[in-house]
Amino acid sequence: QVQLAESGGGLVQSGGSLRLSCVVSGSIFRILEMAWYRQAPGKQRELVAAIGVGGSTNYADSVNGRFIISRDNAKNMVYLQMNNLKPEDTAVYYCNAKILALMTQFWGQGTQVTVSS
């Protein structure tokens, strides 16, 4: 069983920065496709950023150039560095792990990010 736990959310002013962290339990981190999603009130959950097993990344257009996703396979960690935050970035951010070959995914419990104007 894979378990994910996010941390690092909080309240920040517009233009500020936060770094989210996600620790993944188990010994299969190296084969997991990792991603961050977010869900704002009244909106659907959306992909923010993803990082593959080999380190390739992709970003939502709305965060490209401001957010950076990274992973540390030695620590079973994935990070989301968020810079130049905007009020529209306010949401609950979820860590996601996928095992593509098994069509299986796992979710963390989420961490709240609030950006004040």
Protein backbone atom coordinates (compact mmCIF):
# COMPACT_ATOMS: atom_id res chain seq x y z
CA GLN A 1 0.00 0.00 0.00
CA VAL A 2 1.27 3.45 -0.92
CA GLN A 3 0.51 6.34 1.41
CA LEU A 4 1.12 9.99 0.68
CA ALA A 5 1.33 12.90 3.11
CA GLU A 6 1.54 16.54 2.08
CA SER A 7 2.88 19.46 4.08
CA GLY A 8 3.88 23.07 3.55
CA GLY A 9 0.58 24.75 2.85
CA GLY A 10 -0.47 27.98 4.51
CA LEU A 11 -1.43 31.60 4.09
CA VAL A 12 0.75 33.86 1.97
CA GLN A 13 0.40 37.27 0.38
CA SER A 14 0.15 37.74 -3.35
CA GLY A 15 3.62 37.60 -4.89
CA GLY A 16 4.96 35.36 -2.15
CA SER A 17 6.30 31.83 -2.26
CA LEU A 18 5.58 28.47 -0.66
CA ARG A 19 7.09 25.03 -1.01
CA LEU A 20 4.87 21.99 -0.72
CA SER A 21 6.31 18.62 0.19
CA CYS A 22 4.91 15.13 -0.19
CA VAL A 23 6.43 12.07 1.44
CA VAL A 24 5.56 8.67 0.00
CA SER A 25 5.62 5.48 2.02
CA GLY A 26 6.79 2.17 0.63
CA SER A 27 9.68 1.05 -1.48
CA ILE A 28 8.34 1.69 -4.98
CA PHE A 29 8.79 5.45 -5.19
CA ARG A 30 11.19 5.13 -8.10
CA ILE A 31 8.50 3.69 -10.35
CA LEU A 32 5.80 6.18 -9.43
CA GLU A 33 4.68 8.95 -11.71
CA MET A 34 4.15 11.88 -9.33
CA ALA A 35 1.96 14.93 -9.66
CA TRP A 36 0.34 17.80 -7.82
CA TYR A 37 -3.32 18.62 -8.32
CA ARG A 38 -5.43 21.35 -6.81
CA GLN A 39 -9.09 21.98 -6.19
CA ALA A 40 -10.57 25.38 -5.52
CA PRO A 41 -14.03 25.79 -3.96
CA GLY A 42 -16.74 25.05 -6.49
CA LYS A 43 -14.27 23.90 -9.14
CA GLN A 44 -13.05 20.58 -10.42
CA ARG A 45 -9.73 19.15 -9.37
CA GLU A 46 -7.06 20.09 -11.91
CA LEU A 47 -3.54 19.01 -12.69
CA VAL A 48 -0.93 21.56 -11.63
CA ALA A 49 2.35 19.80 -12.38
CA ALA A 50 3.67 16.31 -13.01
CA ILE A 51 7.05 14.63 -12.95
CA GLY A 52 7.80 11.29 -14.51
CA VAL A 53 10.01 8.45 -13.40
CA GLY A 54 12.82 9.82 -15.54
CA GLY A 55 12.38 13.37 -14.33
CA SER A 56 10.44 14.82 -17.24
CA THR A 57 8.01 17.52 -16.16
CA ASN A 58 4.90 19.23 -17.40
CA TYR A 59 2.87 22.10 -16.04
CA ALA A 60 -0.54 23.65 -16.35
CA ASP A 61 -0.40 26.80 -18.44
CA SER A 62 -1.59 28.84 -15.47
CA VAL A 63 1.48 27.98 -13.39
CA ASN A 64 4.14 27.49 -16.04
CA GLY A 65 7.13 29.69 -15.24
CA ARG A 66 6.05 30.19 -11.62
CA PHE A 67 5.93 26.66 -10.15
CA ILE A 68 8.62 23.99 -10.16
CA ILE A 69 8.04 20.31 -9.43
CA SER A 70 10.92 18.11 -8.35
CA ARG A 71 11.52 14.73 -6.79
CA ASP A 72 14.14 13.15 -4.55
CA ASN A 73 14.14 9.40 -5.05
CA ALA A 74 16.54 8.86 -2.14
CA LYS A 75 14.06 10.45 0.27
CA ASN A 76 10.78 9.33 -1.33
CA MET A 77 9.82 12.99 -1.64
CA VAL A 78 8.21 15.19 -4.25
CA TYR A 79 8.14 18.97 -3.99
CA LEU A 80 6.25 21.86 -5.51
CA GLN A 81 8.02 25.20 -5.32
CA MET A 82 5.43 27.91 -5.88
CA ASN A 83 6.64 31.41 -6.67
CA ASN A 84 4.85 34.66 -7.47
CA LEU A 85 1.65 33.27 -6.00
CA LYS A 86 -1.65 34.80 -7.03
CA PRO A 87 -5.05 34.79 -5.32
CA GLU A 88 -6.31 32.43 -8.03
CA ASP A 89 -3.79 29.84 -6.81
CA THR A 90 -5.85 29.47 -3.64
CA ALA A 91 -6.94 25.84 -3.38
CA VAL A 92 -6.40 22.56 -1.63
CA TYR A 93 -3.32 20.96 -3.15
CA TYR A 94 -3.13 17.19 -3.45
CA CYS A 95 -0.17 14.94 -4.01
CA ASN A 96 -0.83 12.12 -6.49
CA ALA A 97 1.09 8.96 -7.35
CA LYS A 98 0.44 6.68 -10.29
CA ILE A 99 1.61 3.23 -11.26
CA LEU A 100 0.84 3.45 -14.95
CA ALA A 101 1.33 -0.25 -15.70
CA LEU A 102 -1.31 -1.16 -13.11
CA MET A 103 -3.60 1.78 -13.86
CA THR A 104 -3.53 2.56 -10.16
CA GLN A 105 -3.24 5.87 -8.38
CA PHE A 106 -3.02 7.12 -4.82
CA TRP A 107 -3.87 10.46 -3.21
CA GLY A 108 -2.72 12.41 -0.21
CA GLN A 109 -5.14 14.13 2.14
CA GLY A 110 -4.44 17.59 0.75
CA THR A 111 -2.96 20.79 2.10
CA GLN A 112 -4.60 24.20 1.98
CA VAL A 113 -2.90 27.08 0.19
CA THR A 114 -4.45 30.51 0.59
CA VAL A 115 -3.11 33.55 -1.23
CA SER A 116 -4.36 36.93 -0.07
CA SER A 117 -4.49 39.93 -2.34
